[in-house]
């Protein structure tokens, strides 16, 4: 092989290397763009579902306070179903911190609902005894206040987790 042929082979190899490099650059660039687009879509979905969650929980908590002050009001089943749908969405697309805070929140809400149900049964069964036992009523009130404070703290922790995740 003479010098001219060697130069021609080197030029072909260099051209192939350049083409392969350009092709790989395009693939890597497209991969990064697609990854960033997926992250942006996920973040947009999270923002939407977190906003829906906050709106639904405030609406349900407001309704619960109305029910507590007015025994004639009824539970809003449509709002409860909507909240369940939103919670399921958060459990799918939410970040780890948000899902953990949501779990705590839901456990304490469940405890509060159970406490309210127990209190309702106790009131119907032993209304005379409860009326005479002032200490028990005070204790029940303190327990309910503690649960409400815990739920409010859980809401705050959940909002903080959402803000942290969203970088707000």
N, C-alpha and C. Protein backbone atom coordinates (compact mmCIF):
# COMPACT_ATOMS: atom_id res chain seq x y z
N UNK A 1 0.84 -1.15 0.00
CA UNK A 1 0.00 0.00 0.00
C UNK A 1 0.90 1.23 0.00
N UNK A 2 0.61 2.11 -0.92
CA UNK A 2 1.43 3.31 -1.00
C UNK A 2 0.79 4.43 -0.19
N UNK A 3 1.42 5.55 -0.15
CA UNK A 3 1.00 6.67 0.69
C UNK A 3 -0.35 7.21 0.26
N UNK A 4 -0.67 7.23 -1.01
CA UNK A 4 -1.95 7.75 -1.51
C UNK A 4 -3.11 6.89 -1.05
N UNK A 5 -2.92 5.58 -1.11
CA UNK A 5 -3.97 4.67 -0.67
C UNK A 5 -4.19 4.78 0.85
N UNK A 6 -3.09 4.90 1.57
CA UNK A 6 -3.16 5.03 3.02
C UNK A 6 -3.92 6.30 3.41
N UNK A 7 -3.68 7.38 2.69
CA UNK A 7 -4.37 8.65 2.95
C UNK A 7 -5.86 8.50 2.63
N UNK A 8 -6.19 7.80 1.55
CA UNK A 8 -7.59 7.59 1.17
C UNK A 8 -8.32 6.76 2.22
N UNK A 9 -7.68 5.68 2.71
CA UNK A 9 -8.28 4.84 3.75
C UNK A 9 -8.48 5.66 5.03
N UNK A 10 -7.49 6.47 5.38
CA UNK A 10 -7.59 7.31 6.58
C UNK A 10 -8.73 8.31 6.44
N UNK A 11 -8.91 8.86 5.26
CA UNK A 11 -9.99 9.82 5.02
C UNK A 11 -11.36 9.15 5.15
N UNK A 12 -11.48 7.92 4.60
CA UNK A 12 -12.75 7.18 4.70
C UNK A 12 -13.04 6.85 6.16
N UNK A 13 -12.04 6.40 6.91
CA UNK A 13 -12.21 6.06 8.33
C UNK A 13 -12.61 7.31 9.11
N UNK A 14 -11.98 8.43 8.83
CA UNK A 14 -12.30 9.68 9.51
C UNK A 14 -13.73 10.12 9.19
N UNK A 15 -14.13 9.95 7.94
CA UNK A 15 -15.50 10.32 7.55
C UNK A 15 -16.52 9.43 8.26
N UNK A 16 -16.24 8.13 8.32
CA UNK A 16 -17.13 7.20 9.03
C UNK A 16 -17.21 7.54 10.52
N UNK A 17 -16.07 7.83 11.12
CA UNK A 17 -16.04 8.19 12.54
C UNK A 17 -16.84 9.47 12.78
N UNK A 18 -16.72 10.43 11.89
CA UNK A 18 -17.49 11.67 12.02
C UNK A 18 -18.98 11.42 11.89
N UNK A 19 -19.36 10.57 10.95
CA UNK A 19 -20.78 10.26 10.75
C UNK A 19 -21.35 9.52 11.95
N UNK A 20 -20.59 8.54 12.46
CA UNK A 20 -21.04 7.80 13.64
C UNK A 20 -21.15 8.74 14.83
N UNK A 21 -20.18 9.62 15.01
CA UNK A 21 -20.22 10.58 16.11
C UNK A 21 -21.42 11.51 16.00
N UNK A 22 -21.71 11.99 14.82
CA UNK A 22 -22.86 12.88 14.62
C UNK A 22 -24.16 12.14 14.90
N UNK A 23 -24.25 10.89 14.44
CA UNK A 23 -25.44 10.08 14.67
C UNK A 23 -25.65 9.83 16.16
N UNK A 24 -24.57 9.47 16.87
CA UNK A 24 -24.67 9.23 18.32
C UNK A 24 -25.03 10.52 19.06
N UNK A 25 -24.50 11.63 18.61
CA UNK A 25 -24.85 12.91 19.22
C UNK A 25 -26.33 13.23 19.09
N UNK A 26 -26.86 12.94 17.91
CA UNK A 26 -28.29 13.16 17.69
C UNK A 26 -29.11 12.24 18.59
N UNK A 27 -28.73 10.96 18.69
CA UNK A 27 -29.45 10.02 19.55
C UNK A 27 -29.42 10.45 21.02
N UNK A 28 -28.26 10.84 21.50
CA UNK A 28 -28.13 11.27 22.90
C UNK A 28 -28.95 12.53 23.14
N UNK A 29 -28.88 13.46 22.22
CA UNK A 29 -29.65 14.71 22.35
C UNK A 29 -31.15 14.45 22.38
N UNK A 30 -31.63 13.59 21.48
CA UNK A 30 -33.05 13.25 21.46
C UNK A 30 -33.47 12.53 22.73
N UNK A 31 -32.61 11.65 23.21
CA UNK A 31 -32.90 10.92 24.45
C UNK A 31 -33.04 11.90 25.61
N UNK A 32 -32.14 12.85 25.71
CA UNK A 32 -32.20 13.86 26.80
C UNK A 32 -33.45 14.73 26.66
N UNK A 33 -33.78 15.13 25.44
CA UNK A 33 -34.98 15.94 25.23
C UNK A 33 -36.24 15.16 25.62
N UNK A 34 -36.29 13.89 25.25
CA UNK A 34 -37.45 13.06 25.59
C UNK A 34 -37.54 12.88 27.11
N UNK A 35 -36.42 12.67 27.77
CA UNK A 35 -36.39 12.52 29.23
C UNK A 35 -36.87 13.80 29.91
N UNK A 36 -36.39 14.94 29.44
CA UNK A 36 -36.82 16.22 30.01
C UNK A 36 -38.30 16.47 29.76
N UNK A 37 -38.80 16.07 28.59
CA UNK A 37 -40.22 16.24 28.29
C UNK A 37 -41.07 15.37 29.22
N UNK A 38 -40.62 14.13 29.49
CA UNK A 38 -41.34 13.26 30.42
C UNK A 38 -41.37 13.86 31.82
N UNK A 39 -40.22 14.40 32.26
CA UNK A 39 -40.15 15.02 33.59
C UNK A 39 -41.09 16.22 33.67
N UNK A 40 -41.13 17.00 32.61
CA UNK A 40 -42.00 18.18 32.59
C UNK A 40 -43.47 17.78 32.61
N UNK A 41 -43.84 16.73 31.87
CA UNK A 41 -45.22 16.25 31.88
C UNK A 41 -45.61 15.74 33.27
N UNK A 42 -44.69 15.00 33.90
CA UNK A 42 -44.95 14.48 35.25
C UNK A 42 -45.11 15.64 36.24
N UNK A 43 -44.25 16.64 36.13
CA UNK A 43 -44.34 17.78 37.03
C UNK A 43 -45.65 18.53 36.82
N UNK A 44 -46.07 18.69 35.57
CA UNK A 44 -47.34 19.36 35.27
C UNK A 44 -48.50 18.57 35.85
N UNK A 45 -48.46 17.25 35.70
CA UNK A 45 -49.52 16.40 36.25
C UNK A 45 -49.54 16.50 37.77
N UNK A 46 -48.37 16.50 38.40
CA UNK A 46 -48.31 16.61 39.86
C UNK A 46 -48.88 17.94 40.33
N UNK A 47 -48.51 19.01 39.67
CA UNK A 47 -49.03 20.33 40.06
C UNK A 47 -50.55 20.32 40.00
N UNK A 48 -51.10 19.78 38.94
CA UNK A 48 -52.56 19.75 38.77
C UNK A 48 -53.22 18.90 39.86
N UNK A 49 -52.71 17.70 40.09
CA UNK A 49 -53.37 16.81 41.06
C UNK A 49 -53.17 17.32 42.49
N UNK A 50 -52.04 17.91 42.80
CA UNK A 50 -51.83 18.46 44.14
C UNK A 50 -52.79 19.62 44.39
N UNK A 51 -52.99 20.47 43.38
CA UNK A 51 -53.94 21.56 43.51
C UNK A 51 -55.36 21.04 43.71
N UNK A 52 -55.73 20.02 42.96
CA UNK A 52 -57.05 19.42 43.11
C UNK A 52 -57.21 18.83 44.51
N UNK A 53 -56.15 18.18 45.00
CA UNK A 53 -56.20 17.57 46.32
C UNK A 53 -56.41 18.63 47.39
N UNK A 54 -55.64 19.70 47.33
CA UNK A 54 -55.77 20.76 48.33
C UNK A 54 -57.16 21.38 48.31
N UNK A 55 -57.69 21.60 47.11
CA UNK A 55 -59.04 22.16 46.99
C UNK A 55 -60.09 21.20 47.55
N UNK A 56 -59.96 19.91 47.21
CA UNK A 56 -60.94 18.91 47.67
C UNK A 56 -60.87 18.73 49.18
N UNK A 57 -59.67 18.67 49.75
CA UNK A 57 -59.57 18.49 51.21
C UNK A 57 -60.12 19.69 51.95
N UNK A 58 -59.85 20.89 51.45
CA UNK A 58 -60.39 22.06 52.14
C UNK A 58 -61.92 22.08 52.05
N UNK A 59 -62.46 21.66 50.90
CA UNK A 59 -63.92 21.60 50.75
C UNK A 59 -64.52 20.55 51.69
N UNK A 60 -63.88 19.40 51.78
CA UNK A 60 -64.40 18.33 52.64
C UNK A 60 -64.26 18.70 54.11
N UNK A 61 -63.13 19.31 54.49
CA UNK A 61 -62.96 19.72 55.88
C UNK A 61 -63.98 20.79 56.25
N UNK A 62 -64.24 21.69 55.34
CA UNK A 62 -65.25 22.72 55.58
C UNK A 62 -66.63 22.08 55.76
N UNK A 63 -66.95 21.11 54.91
CA UNK A 63 -68.22 20.39 55.03
C UNK A 63 -68.30 19.63 56.34
N UNK A 64 -67.16 19.05 56.77
CA UNK A 64 -67.14 18.30 58.03
C UNK A 64 -67.40 19.24 59.21
N UNK A 65 -66.83 20.43 59.16
CA UNK A 65 -67.08 21.40 60.23
C UNK A 65 -68.55 21.82 60.23
N UNK A 66 -69.13 21.99 59.04
CA UNK A 66 -70.56 22.31 58.95
C UNK A 66 -71.41 21.18 59.54
N UNK A 67 -71.05 19.93 59.23
CA UNK A 67 -71.79 18.80 59.77
C UNK A 67 -71.68 18.73 61.28
N UNK A 68 -70.48 19.06 61.79
CA UNK A 68 -70.29 19.01 63.24
C UNK A 68 -71.15 20.05 63.95
N UNK A 69 -71.35 21.20 63.31
CA UNK A 69 -72.15 22.25 63.94
C UNK A 69 -73.63 22.12 63.61
N UNK A 70 -73.96 21.37 62.55
CA UNK A 70 -75.35 21.23 62.14
C UNK A 70 -75.64 19.76 61.90
N UNK A 71 -76.30 19.13 62.84
CA UNK A 71 -76.53 17.69 62.74
C UNK A 71 -77.44 17.32 61.58
N UNK A 72 -78.17 18.30 61.02
CA UNK A 72 -79.07 18.00 59.91
C UNK A 72 -78.35 17.87 58.58
N UNK A 73 -77.11 18.39 58.48
CA UNK A 73 -76.39 18.31 57.20
C UNK A 73 -75.92 16.88 56.95
N UNK A 74 -75.73 16.54 55.68
CA UNK A 74 -75.35 15.18 55.32
C UNK A 74 -73.97 15.17 54.69
N UNK A 75 -73.41 14.00 54.64
CA UNK A 75 -72.08 13.83 54.05
C UNK A 75 -72.16 13.99 52.54
N UNK A 76 -71.17 14.67 51.97
CA UNK A 76 -71.13 14.91 50.53
C UNK A 76 -70.39 13.73 49.88
N UNK A 77 -71.15 12.76 49.38
CA UNK A 77 -70.56 11.55 48.80
C UNK A 77 -69.79 11.86 47.52
N UNK A 78 -70.28 12.80 46.72
CA UNK A 78 -69.59 13.15 45.48
C UNK A 78 -68.21 13.71 45.78
N UNK A 79 -68.12 14.57 46.81
CA UNK A 79 -66.82 15.13 47.18
C UNK A 79 -65.89 14.03 47.69
N UNK A 80 -66.44 13.07 48.43
CA UNK A 80 -65.62 11.97 48.94
C UNK A 80 -65.09 11.11 47.79
N UNK A 81 -65.92 10.84 46.80
CA UNK A 81 -65.47 10.06 45.64
C UNK A 81 -64.41 10.81 44.86
N UNK A 82 -64.60 12.11 44.69
CA UNK A 82 -63.62 12.94 43.99
C UNK A 82 -62.28 12.92 44.73
N UNK A 83 -62.34 13.04 46.05
CA UNK A 83 -61.11 13.00 46.84
C UNK A 83 -60.42 11.64 46.71
N UNK A 84 -61.18 10.57 46.72
CA UNK A 84 -60.59 9.24 46.55
C UNK A 84 -59.90 9.10 45.20
N UNK A 85 -60.51 9.66 44.15
CA UNK A 85 -59.89 9.62 42.82
C UNK A 85 -58.57 10.38 42.83
N UNK A 86 -58.57 11.54 43.46
CA UNK A 86 -57.36 12.37 43.51
C UNK A 86 -56.27 11.67 44.33
N UNK A 87 -56.65 11.06 45.44
CA UNK A 87 -55.69 10.34 46.28
C UNK A 87 -55.05 9.20 45.49
N UNK A 88 -55.86 8.48 44.73
CA UNK A 88 -55.32 7.39 43.91
C UNK A 88 -54.33 7.93 42.89
N UNK A 89 -54.63 9.08 42.31
CA UNK A 89 -53.71 9.70 41.35
C UNK A 89 -52.40 10.09 42.01
N UNK A 90 -52.48 10.66 43.21
CA UNK A 90 -51.27 11.05 43.93
C UNK A 90 -50.43 9.82 44.25
N UNK A 91 -51.10 8.73 44.61
CA UNK A 91 -50.35 7.52 44.94
C UNK A 91 -49.63 6.95 43.72
N UNK A 92 -50.10 7.28 42.53
CA UNK A 92 -49.44 6.82 41.31
C UNK A 92 -48.32 7.76 40.89
N UNK A 93 -48.58 9.08 40.88
CA UNK A 93 -47.59 10.00 40.33
C UNK A 93 -46.85 10.84 41.36
N UNK A 94 -47.27 10.77 42.62
CA UNK A 94 -46.65 11.58 43.66
C UNK A 94 -45.25 11.11 43.99
N UNK A 95 -44.46 12.03 44.49
CA UNK A 95 -43.11 11.69 44.93
C UNK A 95 -43.14 10.93 46.25
N UNK A 96 -42.01 10.41 46.66
CA UNK A 96 -41.90 9.60 47.87
C UNK A 96 -42.33 10.39 49.10
N UNK A 97 -41.83 11.62 49.24
CA UNK A 97 -42.17 12.44 50.40
C UNK A 97 -43.65 12.76 50.46
N UNK A 98 -44.24 13.04 49.32
CA UNK A 98 -45.67 13.36 49.27
C UNK A 98 -46.50 12.14 49.62
N UNK A 99 -46.13 10.98 49.09
CA UNK A 99 -46.88 9.76 49.40
C UNK A 99 -46.79 9.42 50.89
N UNK A 100 -45.62 9.63 51.51
CA UNK A 100 -45.46 9.36 52.94
C UNK A 100 -46.32 10.32 53.76
N UNK A 101 -46.31 11.61 53.41
CA UNK A 101 -47.12 12.59 54.13
C UNK A 101 -48.61 12.31 53.93
N UNK A 102 -48.99 11.88 52.73
CA UNK A 102 -50.38 11.55 52.44
C UNK A 102 -50.82 10.35 53.28
N UNK A 103 -49.95 9.37 53.44
CA UNK A 103 -50.27 8.18 54.24
C UNK A 103 -50.56 8.59 55.69
N UNK A 104 -49.71 9.44 56.27
CA UNK A 104 -49.94 9.92 57.64
C UNK A 104 -51.27 10.67 57.73
N UNK A 105 -51.50 11.55 56.77
CA UNK A 105 -52.73 12.34 56.75
C UNK A 105 -53.95 11.42 56.72
N UNK A 106 -53.95 10.43 55.83
CA UNK A 106 -55.10 9.54 55.68
C UNK A 106 -55.32 8.69 56.93
N UNK A 107 -54.23 8.27 57.59
CA UNK A 107 -54.38 7.49 58.82
C UNK A 107 -55.03 8.33 59.91
N UNK A 108 -54.62 9.59 60.04
CA UNK A 108 -55.20 10.43 61.08
C UNK A 108 -56.64 10.83 60.76
N UNK A 109 -56.95 11.03 59.50
CA UNK A 109 -58.34 11.32 59.12
C UNK A 109 -59.21 10.11 59.43
N UNK A 110 -58.69 8.91 59.15
CA UNK A 110 -59.43 7.69 59.45
C UNK A 110 -59.66 7.56 60.96
N UNK A 111 -58.62 7.88 61.75
CA UNK A 111 -58.77 7.86 63.21
C UNK A 111 -59.85 8.83 63.66
N UNK A 112 -59.86 10.03 63.06
CA UNK A 112 -60.85 11.04 63.42
C UNK A 112 -62.26 10.58 63.06
N UNK A 113 -62.40 9.97 61.87
CA UNK A 113 -63.71 9.48 61.46
C UNK A 113 -64.18 8.37 62.39
N UNK A 114 -63.26 7.48 62.77
CA UNK A 114 -63.61 6.40 63.69
C UNK A 114 -64.00 6.96 65.05
N UNK A 115 -63.26 7.95 65.50
CA UNK A 115 -63.56 8.59 66.78
C UNK A 115 -64.94 9.23 66.75
N UNK A 116 -65.26 9.91 65.65
CA UNK A 116 -66.57 10.54 65.52
C UNK A 116 -67.68 9.49 65.49
N UNK A 117 -67.44 8.38 64.78
CA UNK A 117 -68.43 7.31 64.73
C UNK A 117 -68.62 6.69 66.11
N UNK A 118 -67.51 6.44 66.82
CA UNK A 118 -67.59 5.89 68.17
C UNK A 118 -68.34 6.83 69.09
N UNK A 119 -68.04 8.12 68.96
CA UNK A 119 -68.70 9.11 69.81
C UNK A 119 -70.20 9.14 69.52
N UNK A 120 -70.57 9.02 68.26
CA UNK A 120 -71.99 8.98 67.90
C UNK A 120 -72.70 7.79 68.51
N UNK A 121 -72.06 6.62 68.45
CA UNK A 121 -72.65 5.41 69.06
C UNK A 121 -72.78 5.57 70.56
N UNK A 122 -71.69 6.08 71.17
CA UNK A 122 -71.71 6.26 72.62
C UNK A 122 -72.78 7.25 73.03
N UNK A 123 -72.96 8.29 72.24
CA UNK A 123 -73.96 9.30 72.57
C UNK A 123 -75.36 8.70 72.53
N UNK A 124 -75.60 7.87 71.54
CA UNK A 124 -76.93 7.27 71.44
C UNK A 124 -77.17 6.25 72.54
N UNK A 125 -76.15 5.51 72.89
CA UNK A 125 -76.30 4.42 73.87
C UNK A 125 -76.38 4.96 75.30
N UNK A 126 -75.52 5.89 75.63
CA UNK A 126 -75.41 6.30 77.03
C UNK A 126 -75.46 7.80 77.19
N UNK A 127 -76.44 8.44 76.61
CA UNK A 127 -76.52 9.90 76.64
C UNK A 127 -76.66 10.41 78.08
N UNK A 128 -77.42 9.71 78.91
CA UNK A 128 -77.58 10.13 80.31
C UNK A 128 -76.26 10.11 81.04
N UNK A 129 -75.51 9.01 80.88
CA UNK A 129 -74.25 8.85 81.61
C UNK A 129 -73.25 9.91 81.14
N UNK A 130 -73.17 10.11 79.84
CA UNK A 130 -72.23 11.09 79.31
C UNK A 130 -72.57 12.50 79.77
N UNK A 131 -73.84 12.81 79.87
CA UNK A 131 -74.24 14.14 80.31
C UNK A 131 -73.83 14.37 81.76
N UNK A 132 -73.90 13.33 82.57
CA UNK A 132 -73.51 13.46 83.98
C UNK A 132 -72.00 13.43 84.17
N UNK A 133 -71.29 12.76 83.25
CA UNK A 133 -69.84 12.58 83.41
C UNK A 133 -69.11 13.70 82.67
N UNK A 134 -68.99 14.85 83.32
CA UNK A 134 -68.38 16.02 82.71
C UNK A 134 -66.92 15.77 82.35
N UNK A 135 -66.19 15.02 83.17
CA UNK A 135 -64.79 14.72 82.89
C UNK A 135 -64.65 13.96 81.57
N UNK A 136 -65.54 13.00 81.33
CA UNK A 136 -65.49 12.24 80.09
C UNK A 136 -65.71 13.15 78.89
N UNK A 137 -66.66 14.07 78.99
CA UNK A 137 -66.92 15.00 77.88
C UNK A 137 -65.71 15.88 77.62
N UNK A 138 -65.07 16.36 78.68
CA UNK A 138 -63.86 17.17 78.52
C UNK A 138 -62.77 16.35 77.85
N UNK A 139 -62.59 15.11 78.30
CA UNK A 139 -61.58 14.23 77.72
C UNK A 139 -61.87 13.98 76.24
N UNK A 140 -63.12 13.73 75.89
CA UNK A 140 -63.51 13.50 74.50
C UNK A 140 -63.21 14.75 73.66
N UNK A 141 -63.51 15.93 74.22
CA UNK A 141 -63.25 17.18 73.52
C UNK A 141 -61.76 17.39 73.28
N UNK A 142 -60.95 17.08 74.30
CA UNK A 142 -59.50 17.21 74.16
C UNK A 142 -58.98 16.24 73.11
N UNK A 143 -59.48 15.01 73.14
CA UNK A 143 -59.05 14.01 72.15
C UNK A 143 -59.42 14.47 70.74
N UNK A 144 -60.65 14.98 70.56
CA UNK A 144 -61.07 15.46 69.25
C UNK A 144 -60.21 16.65 68.82
N UNK A 145 -59.91 17.54 69.76
CA UNK A 145 -59.06 18.70 69.45
C UNK A 145 -57.66 18.24 69.05
N UNK A 146 -57.14 17.23 69.74
CA UNK A 146 -55.82 16.70 69.39
C UNK A 146 -55.83 16.11 67.99
N UNK A 147 -56.87 15.37 67.66
CA UNK A 147 -56.98 14.79 66.31
C UNK A 147 -57.07 15.89 65.26
N UNK A 148 -57.87 16.93 65.53
CA UNK A 148 -57.98 18.03 64.58
C UNK A 148 -56.63 18.72 64.39
N UNK A 149 -55.91 18.93 65.51
CA UNK A 149 -54.59 19.56 65.42
C UNK A 149 -53.62 18.68 64.64
N UNK A 150 -53.70 17.37 64.87
CA UNK A 150 -52.83 16.44 64.16
C UNK A 150 -53.13 16.45 62.67
N UNK A 151 -54.42 16.48 62.32
CA UNK A 151 -54.79 16.51 60.90
C UNK A 151 -54.33 17.81 60.26
N UNK A 152 -54.48 18.92 60.96
CA UNK A 152 -53.99 20.20 60.42
C UNK A 152 -52.48 20.17 60.24
N UNK A 153 -51.76 19.57 61.20
CA UNK A 153 -50.30 19.45 61.08
C UNK A 153 -49.94 18.54 59.90
N UNK A 154 -50.71 17.45 59.72
CA UNK A 154 -50.48 16.56 58.58
C UNK A 154 -50.71 17.29 57.26
N UNK A 155 -51.76 18.13 57.21
CA UNK A 155 -52.03 18.91 56.00
C UNK A 155 -50.84 19.82 55.70
N UNK A 156 -50.33 20.45 56.74
CA UNK A 156 -49.19 21.34 56.57
C UNK A 156 -47.97 20.57 56.09
N UNK A 157 -47.72 19.40 56.69
CA UNK A 157 -46.58 18.57 56.26
C UNK A 157 -46.75 18.11 54.83
N UNK A 158 -47.98 17.78 54.45
CA UNK A 158 -48.26 17.35 53.08
C UNK A 158 -48.02 18.49 52.10
N UNK A 159 -48.48 19.68 52.44
CA UNK A 159 -48.23 20.85 51.59
C UNK A 159 -46.74 21.13 51.48
N UNK A 160 -46.01 21.01 52.60
CA UNK A 160 -44.56 21.23 52.57
C UNK A 160 -43.87 20.21 51.66
N UNK A 161 -44.31 18.95 51.73
CA UNK A 161 -43.73 17.91 50.88
C UNK A 161 -44.00 18.22 49.41
N UNK A 162 -45.21 18.69 49.12
CA UNK A 162 -45.56 19.05 47.73
C UNK A 162 -44.69 20.21 47.25
N UNK A 163 -44.53 21.24 48.10
CA UNK A 163 -43.72 22.38 47.72
C UNK A 163 -42.27 21.97 47.51
N UNK A 164 -41.75 21.13 48.39
CA UNK A 164 -40.37 20.67 48.25
C UNK A 164 -40.19 19.92 46.95
N UNK A 165 -41.13 19.02 46.67
CA UNK A 165 -41.03 18.22 45.45
C UNK A 165 -41.11 19.08 44.19
N UNK A 166 -41.96 20.10 44.24
CA UNK A 166 -42.15 20.96 43.07
C UNK A 166 -41.11 22.06 43.00
N UNK A 167 -40.29 22.19 44.04
CA UNK A 167 -39.24 23.23 44.05
C UNK A 167 -39.80 24.62 44.24
N UNK A 168 -40.91 24.71 44.94
CA UNK A 168 -41.56 26.01 45.18
C UNK A 168 -41.16 26.54 46.54
